PDB file of N, CA and C in Angstrom:
ATOM      1  N   MET A   1     -49.603 122.690 -61.634  1.00  0.00           N
ATOM      2  CA  MET A   1     -48.868 123.753 -60.985  1.00  0.00           C
ATOM      3  C   MET A   1     -49.870 124.848 -60.593  1.00  0.00           C
ATOM      4  N   ASN A   2     -49.800 125.299 -59.350  1.00  0.00           N
ATOM      5  CA  ASN A   2     -50.703 126.373 -58.930  1.00  0.00           C
ATOM      6  C   ASN A   2     -50.099 127.738 -59.268  1.00  0.00           C
ATOM      7  N   ILE A   3     -50.860 128.788 -59.033  1.00  0.00           N
ATOM      8  CA  ILE A   3     -50.447 130.139 -59.433  1.00  0.00           C
ATOM      9  C   ILE A   3     -49.169 130.583 -58.710  1.00  0.00           C
ATOM     10  N   GLU A   4     -49.034 130.211 -57.438  1.00  0.00           N
ATOM     11  CA  GLU A   4     -47.831 130.597 -56.694  1.00  0.00           C
ATOM     12  C   GLU A   4     -46.593 129.900 -57.258  1.00  0.00           C
ATOM     13  N   GLU A   5     -46.739 128.643 -57.640  1.00  0.00           N
ATOM     14  CA  GLU A   5     -45.612 127.914 -58.231  1.00  0.00           C
ATOM     15  C   GLU A   5     -45.247 128.499 -59.593  1.00  0.00           C
ATOM     16  N   ARG A   6     -46.253 128.867 -60.363  1.00  0.00           N
ATOM     17  CA  ARG A   6     -45.987 129.490 -61.667  1.00  0.00           C
ATOM     18  C   ARG A   6     -45.260 130.827 -61.488  1.00  0.00           C
ATOM     19  N   ALA A   7     -45.708 131.609 -60.504  1.00  0.00           N
ATOM     20  CA  ALA A   7     -45.070 132.902 -60.231  1.00  0.00           C
ATOM     21  C   ALA A   7     -43.623 132.711 -59.791  1.00  0.00           C
ATOM     22  N   ALA A   8     -43.389 131.738 -58.931  1.00  0.00           N
ATOM     23  CA  ALA A   8     -42.022 131.475 -58.462  1.00  0.00           C
ATOM     24  C   ALA A   8     -41.129 131.026 -59.609  1.00  0.00           C
ATOM     25  N   GLN A   9     -41.652 130.186 -60.479  1.00  0.00           N
ATOM     26  CA  GLN A   9     -40.862 129.722 -61.621  1.00  0.00           C
ATOM     27  C   GLN A   9     -40.562 130.873 -62.573  1.00  0.00           C
ATOM     28  N   ALA A  10     -41.549 131.718 -62.833  1.00  0.00           N
ATOM     29  CA  ALA A  10     -41.337 132.875 -63.704  1.00  0.00           C
ATOM     30  C   ALA A  10     -40.279 133.807 -63.106  1.00  0.00           C
ATOM     31  N   ALA A  11     -40.354 134.033 -61.816  1.00  0.00           N
ATOM     32  CA  ALA A  11     -39.367 134.889 -61.149  1.00  0.00           C
ATOM     33  C   ALA A  11     -37.970 134.292 -61.240  1.00  0.00           C
ATOM     34  N   ALA A  12     -37.879 132.986 -61.131  1.00  0.00           N
ATOM     35  CA  ALA A  12     -36.571 132.316 -61.222  1.00  0.00           C
ATOM     36  C   ALA A  12     -35.980 132.450 -62.627  1.00  0.00           C
ATOM     37  N   TRP A  13     -36.801 132.262 -63.655  1.00  0.00           N
ATOM     38  CA  TRP A  13     -36.314 132.422 -65.030  1.00  0.00           C
ATOM     39  C   TRP A  13     -35.853 133.852 -65.277  1.00  0.00           C
ATOM     40  N   LYS A  14     -36.615 134.818 -64.787  1.00  0.00           N
ATOM     41  CA  LYS A  14     -36.246 136.230 -64.960  1.00  0.00           C
ATOM     42  C   LYS A  14     -34.951 136.542 -64.205  1.00  0.00           C
ATOM     43  N   ALA A  15     -34.859 136.090 -62.960  1.00  0.00           N
ATOM     44  CA  ALA A  15     -33.665 136.350 -62.139  1.00  0.00           C
ATOM     45  C   ALA A  15     -32.416 135.714 -62.741  1.00  0.00           C
ATOM     46  N   ALA A  16     -32.590 134.580 -63.391  1.00  0.00           N
ATOM     47  CA  ALA A  16     -31.461 133.880 -64.005  1.00  0.00           C
ATOM     48  C   ALA A  16     -31.057 134.516 -65.335  1.00  0.00           C
ATOM     49  N   GLY A  17     -31.845 135.493 -65.782  1.00  0.00           N
ATOM     50  CA  GLY A  17     -31.529 136.165 -67.036  1.00  0.00           C
ATOM     51  C   GLY A  17     -31.889 135.349 -68.268  1.00  0.00           C
ATOM     52  N   GLN A  18     -32.752 134.352 -68.092  1.00  0.00           N
ATOM     53  CA  GLN A  18     -33.136 133.494 -69.214  1.00  0.00           C
ATOM     54  C   GLN A  18     -34.140 134.153 -70.142  1.00  0.00           C
ATOM     55  N   CYS A  19     -34.867 135.135 -69.628  1.00  0.00           N
ATOM     56  CA  CYS A  19     -35.880 135.787 -70.441  1.00  0.00           C
ATOM     57  C   CYS A  19     -36.346 137.072 -69.761  1.00  0.00           C
ATOM     58  N   SER A  20     -37.151 137.830 -70.492  1.00  0.00           N
ATOM     59  CA  SER A  20     -37.707 139.058 -69.927  1.00  0.00           C
ATOM     60  C   SER A  20     -38.855 138.706 -68.983  1.00  0.00           C
ATOM     61  N   CYS A  21     -39.382 139.705 -68.306  1.00  0.00           N
ATOM     62  CA  CYS A  21     -40.536 139.486 -67.414  1.00  0.00           C
ATOM     63  C   CYS A  21     -41.716 138.900 -68.181  1.00  0.00           C
ATOM     64  N   ALA A  22     -42.044 139.520 -69.312  1.00  0.00           N
ATOM     65  CA  ALA A  22     -43.183 139.065 -70.107  1.00  0.00           C
ATOM     66  C   ALA A  22     -42.975 137.636 -70.582  1.00  0.00           C
ATOM     67  N   GLN A  23     -41.775 137.335 -71.059  1.00  0.00           N
ATOM     68  CA  GLN A  23     -41.492 135.989 -71.531  1.00  0.00           C
ATOM     69  C   GLN A  23     -41.575 134.973 -70.391  1.00  0.00           C
ATOM     70  N   ALA A  24     -41.103 135.345 -69.222  1.00  0.00           N
ATOM     71  CA  ALA A  24     -41.132 134.434 -68.077  1.00  0.00           C
ATOM     72  C   ALA A  24     -42.565 134.080 -67.691  1.00  0.00           C
ATOM     73  N   VAL A  25     -43.435 135.071 -67.687  1.00  0.00           N
ATOM     74  CA  VAL A  25     -44.833 134.818 -67.341  1.00  0.00           C
ATOM     75  C   VAL A  25     -45.485 133.946 -68.404  1.00  0.00           C
ATOM     76  N   MET A  26     -45.232 134.253 -69.659  1.00  0.00           N
ATOM     77  CA  MET A  26     -45.806 133.441 -70.729  1.00  0.00           C
ATOM     78  C   MET A  26     -45.290 132.006 -70.664  1.00  0.00           C
ATOM     79  N   LYS A  27     -44.000 131.859 -70.409  1.00  0.00           N
ATOM     80  CA  LYS A  27     -43.398 130.528 -70.314  1.00  0.00           C
ATOM     81  C   LYS A  27     -43.986 129.740 -69.143  1.00  0.00           C
ATOM     82  N   ALA A  28     -44.313 130.416 -68.049  1.00  0.00           N
ATOM     83  CA  ALA A  28     -44.882 129.754 -66.877  1.00  0.00           C
ATOM     84  C   ALA A  28     -46.265 129.173 -67.177  1.00  0.00           C
ATOM     85  N   PHE A  29     -46.936 129.726 -68.170  1.00  0.00           N
ATOM     86  CA  PHE A  29     -48.272 129.248 -68.550  1.00  0.00           C
ATOM     87  C   PHE A  29     -48.252 128.499 -69.879  1.00  0.00           C
ATOM     88  N   GLU A  30     -47.084 128.090 -70.314  1.00  0.00           N
ATOM     89  CA  GLU A  30     -46.947 127.459 -71.623  1.00  0.00           C
ATOM     90  C   GLU A  30     -47.796 126.190 -71.758  1.00  0.00           C
ATOM     91  N   ASP A  31     -48.038 125.486 -70.659  1.00  0.00           N
ATOM     92  CA  ASP A  31     -48.865 124.274 -70.729  1.00  0.00           C
ATOM     93  C   ASP A  31     -50.344 124.598 -70.936  1.00  0.00           C
ATOM     94  N   LYS A  32     -50.722 125.838 -70.766  1.00  0.00           N
ATOM     95  CA  LYS A  32     -52.119 126.264 -70.914  1.00  0.00           C
ATOM     96  C   LYS A  32     -52.372 126.989 -72.235  1.00  0.00           C
ATOM     97  N   ILE A  33     -51.300 127.269 -72.982  1.00  0.00           N
ATOM     98  CA  ILE A  33     -51.414 128.057 -74.210  1.00  0.00           C
ATOM     99  C   ILE A  33     -51.082 127.152 -75.398  1.00  0.00           C
ATOM    100  N   PRO A  34     -51.953 127.077 -76.393  1.00  0.00           N
ATOM    101  CA  PRO A  34     -51.725 126.182 -77.530  1.00  0.00           C
ATOM    102  C   PRO A  34     -50.734 126.741 -78.562  1.00  0.00           C
ATOM    103  N   VAL A  35     -49.560 127.148 -78.075  1.00  0.00           N
ATOM    104  CA  VAL A  35     -48.508 127.691 -78.932  1.00  0.00           C
ATOM    105  C   VAL A  35     -47.196 127.071 -78.472  1.00  0.00           C
ATOM    106  N   ASP A  36     -46.318 126.742 -79.418  1.00  0.00           N
ATOM    107  CA  ASP A  36     -45.042 126.135 -79.029  1.00  0.00           C
ATOM    108  C   ASP A  36     -44.157 127.134 -78.274  1.00  0.00           C
ATOM    109  N   ALA A  37     -43.216 126.601 -77.520  1.00  0.00           N
ATOM    110  CA  ALA A  37     -42.363 127.409 -76.642  1.00  0.00           C
ATOM    111  C   ALA A  37     -41.570 128.473 -77.409  1.00  0.00           C
ATOM    112  N   ASP A  38     -41.061 128.118 -78.583  1.00  0.00           N
ATOM    113  CA  ASP A  38     -40.279 129.077 -79.368  1.00  0.00           C
ATOM    114  C   ASP A  38     -41.134 130.264 -79.789  1.00  0.00           C
ATOM    115  N   THR A  39     -42.344 129.995 -80.212  1.00  0.00           N
ATOM    116  CA  THR A  39     -43.250 131.071 -80.617  1.00  0.00           C
ATOM    117  C   THR A  39     -43.617 131.946 -79.423  1.00  0.00           C
ATOM    118  N   LEU A  40     -43.846 131.331 -78.269  1.00  0.00           N
ATOM    119  CA  LEU A  40     -44.150 132.109 -77.063  1.00  0.00           C
ATOM    120  C   LEU A  40     -43.018 133.072 -76.737  1.00  0.00           C
ATOM    121  N   MET A  41     -41.785 132.595 -76.830  1.00  0.00           N
ATOM    122  CA  MET A  41     -40.641 133.464 -76.523  1.00  0.00           C
ATOM    123  C   MET A  41     -40.563 134.619 -77.520  1.00  0.00           C
ATOM    124  N   LYS A  42     -40.874 134.333 -78.779  1.00  0.00           N
ATOM    125  CA  LYS A  42     -40.865 135.399 -79.786  1.00  0.00           C
ATOM    126  C   LYS A  42     -41.977 136.408 -79.522  1.00  0.00           C
ATOM    127  N   LEU A  43     -43.158 135.927 -79.160  1.00  0.00           N
ATOM    128  CA  LEU A  43     -44.268 136.831 -78.847  1.00  0.00           C
ATOM    129  C   LEU A  43     -43.917 137.720 -77.650  1.00  0.00           C
ATOM    130  N   GLY A  44     -43.301 137.138 -76.638  1.00  0.00           N
ATOM    131  CA  GLY A  44     -42.922 137.891 -75.449  1.00  0.00           C
ATOM    132  C   GLY A  44     -41.780 138.848 -75.682  1.00  0.00           C
ATOM    133  N   ALA A  45     -40.956 138.581 -76.689  1.00  0.00           N
ATOM    134  CA  ALA A  45     -39.798 139.433 -76.961  1.00  0.00           C
ATOM    135  C   ALA A  45     -40.224 140.855 -77.327  1.00  0.00           C
ATOM    136  N   GLY A  46     -41.369 141.000 -77.944  1.00  0.00           N
ATOM    137  CA  GLY A  46     -41.856 142.320 -78.310  1.00  0.00           C
ATOM    138  C   GLY A  46     -42.258 143.157 -77.113  1.00  0.00           C
ATOM    139  N   HIS A  47     -42.387 142.512 -75.960  1.00  0.00           N
ATOM    140  CA  HIS A  47     -42.766 143.222 -74.742  1.00  0.00           C
ATOM    141  C   HIS A  47     -41.572 143.460 -73.829  1.00  0.00           C
ATOM    142  N   ALA A  48     -40.407 143.114 -74.310  1.00  0.00           N
ATOM    143  CA  ALA A  48     -39.185 143.346 -73.526  1.00  0.00           C
ATOM    144  C   ALA A  48     -38.702 144.764 -73.815  1.00  0.00           C
ATOM    145  N   GLY A  49     -37.415 144.992 -73.725  1.00  0.00           N
ATOM    146  CA  GLY A  49     -36.877 146.306 -74.049  1.00  0.00           C
ATOM    147  C   GLY A  49     -37.293 147.354 -73.051  1.00  0.00           C
ATOM    148  N   HIS A  50     -37.963 148.381 -73.512  1.00  0.00           N
ATOM    149  CA  HIS A  50     -38.323 149.511 -72.653  1.00  0.00           C
ATOM    150  C   HIS A  50     -39.108 149.059 -71.430  1.00  0.00           C
ATOM    151  N   GLN A  51     -40.112 148.246 -71.622  1.00  0.00           N
ATOM    152  CA  GLN A  51     -40.916 147.807 -70.486  1.00  0.00           C
ATOM    153  C   GLN A  51     -40.079 146.966 -69.532  1.00  0.00           C
ATOM    154  N   GLY A  52     -39.346 146.006 -70.084  1.00  0.00           N
ATOM    155  CA  GLY A  52     -38.542 145.131 -69.238  1.00  0.00           C
ATOM    156  C   GLY A  52     -37.417 145.874 -68.532  1.00  0.00           C
ATOM    157  N   GLN A  53     -36.876 146.889 -69.181  1.00  0.00           N
ATOM    158  CA  GLN A  53     -35.779 147.647 -68.594  1.00  0.00           C
ATOM    159  C   GLN A  53     -36.241 148.484 -67.409  1.00  0.00           C
ATOM    160  N   ALA A  54     -37.532 148.710 -67.313  1.00  0.00           N
ATOM    161  CA  ALA A  54     -38.036 149.519 -66.203  1.00  0.00           C
ATOM    162  C   ALA A  54     -37.847 148.801 -64.869  1.00  0.00           C
ATOM    163  N   GLY A  55     -37.737 147.458 -64.934  1.00  0.00           N
ATOM    164  CA  GLY A  55     -37.543 146.704 -63.709  1.00  0.00           C
ATOM    165  C   GLY A  55     -38.754 146.714 -62.802  1.00  0.00           C
ATOM    166  N   ARG A  56     -39.886 147.018 -63.351  1.00  0.00           N
ATOM    167  CA  ARG A  56     -41.114 147.077 -62.564  1.00  0.00           C
ATOM    168  C   ARG A  56     -42.126 146.098 -63.135  1.00  0.00           C
ATOM    169  N   GLU A  57     -43.375 146.320 -62.797  1.00  0.00           N
ATOM    170  CA  GLU A  57     -44.398 145.364 -63.182  1.00  0.00           C
ATOM    171  C   GLU A  57     -44.885 145.494 -64.620  1.00  0.00           C
ATOM    172  N   ARG A  58     -44.389 146.444 -65.386  1.00  0.00           N
ATOM    173  CA  ARG A  58     -44.909 146.633 -66.741  1.00  0.00           C
ATOM    174  C   ARG A  58     -44.692 145.421 -67.623  1.00  0.00           C
ATOM    175  N   GLY A  59     -43.506 144.849 -67.614  1.00  0.00           N
ATOM    176  CA  GLY A  59     -43.239 143.652 -68.408  1.00  0.00           C
ATOM    177  C   GLY A  59     -44.087 142.487 -67.948  1.00  0.00           C
ATOM    178  N   LEU A  60     -44.261 142.389 -66.647  1.00  0.00           N
ATOM    179  CA  LEU A  60     -45.083 141.336 -66.077  1.00  0.00           C
ATOM    180  C   LEU A  60     -46.522 141.483 -66.538  1.00  0.00           C
ATOM    181  N   CYS A  61     -47.044 142.698 -66.527  1.00  0.00           N
ATOM    182  CA  CYS A  61     -48.427 142.935 -66.974  1.00  0.00           C
ATOM    183  C   CYS A  61     -48.585 142.546 -68.429  1.00  0.00           C
ATOM    184  N   ALA A  62     -47.625 142.895 -69.248  1.00  0.00           N
ATOM    185  CA  ALA A  62     -47.693 142.535 -70.667  1.00  0.00           C
ATOM    186  C   ALA A  62     -47.678 141.023 -70.822  1.00  0.00           C
ATOM    187  N   GLY A  63     -46.838 140.361 -70.079  1.00  0.00           N
ATOM    188  CA  GLY A  63     -46.733 138.913 -70.177  1.00  0.00           C
ATOM    189  C   GLY A  63     -47.984 138.187 -69.732  1.00  0.00           C
ATOM    190  N   ARG A  64     -48.657 138.714 -68.748  1.00  0.00           N
ATOM    191  CA  ARG A  64     -49.846 138.010 -68.272  1.00  0.00           C
ATOM    192  C   ARG A  64     -51.063 138.300 -69.125  1.00  0.00           C
ATOM    193  N   THR A  65     -51.034 139.358 -69.944  1.00  0.00           N
ATOM    194  CA  THR A  65     -52.181 139.626 -70.796  1.00  0.00           C
ATOM    195  C   THR A  65     -52.065 138.990 -72.162  1.00  0.00           C
ATOM    196  N   VAL A  66     -50.882 138.804 -72.690  1.00  0.00           N
ATOM    197  CA  VAL A  66     -50.713 138.213 -74.016  1.00  0.00           C
ATOM    198  C   VAL A  66     -51.349 136.823 -74.095  1.00  0.00           C
ATOM    199  N   PRO A  67     -51.171 135.943 -73.105  1.00  0.00           N
ATOM    200  CA  PRO A  67     -51.796 134.615 -73.209  1.00  0.00           C
ATOM    201  C   PRO A  67     -53.317 134.675 -73.268  1.00  0.00           C
ATOM    202  N   LEU A  68     -53.916 135.758 -72.869  1.00  0.00           N
ATOM    203  CA  LEU A  68     -55.371 135.877 -72.895  1.00  0.00           C
ATOM    204  C   LEU A  68     -55.896 136.177 -74.292  1.00  0.00           C
ATOM    205  N   LEU A  69     -55.015 136.612 -75.184  1.00  0.00           N
ATOM    206  CA  LEU A  69     -55.450 137.008 -76.530  1.00  0.00           C
ATOM    207  C   LEU A  69     -55.883 135.817 -77.340  1.00  0.00           C
TER     208      LEU A  69
END
């Protein structure tokens, strides 16, 4: 999957209300991160709430940096 496909999939999960912005980005890269899907969703959950409620790029930024840790 290329970066545009990952971005589109993350946007679809977020739009469907399946997860926060951060979780959607992390989930889109789940095949590249050596952590199970449930743990990824839990890690991303800490970046939801205030950041995710802003409806801007803050949740997305958090989601794309967590996999780098």
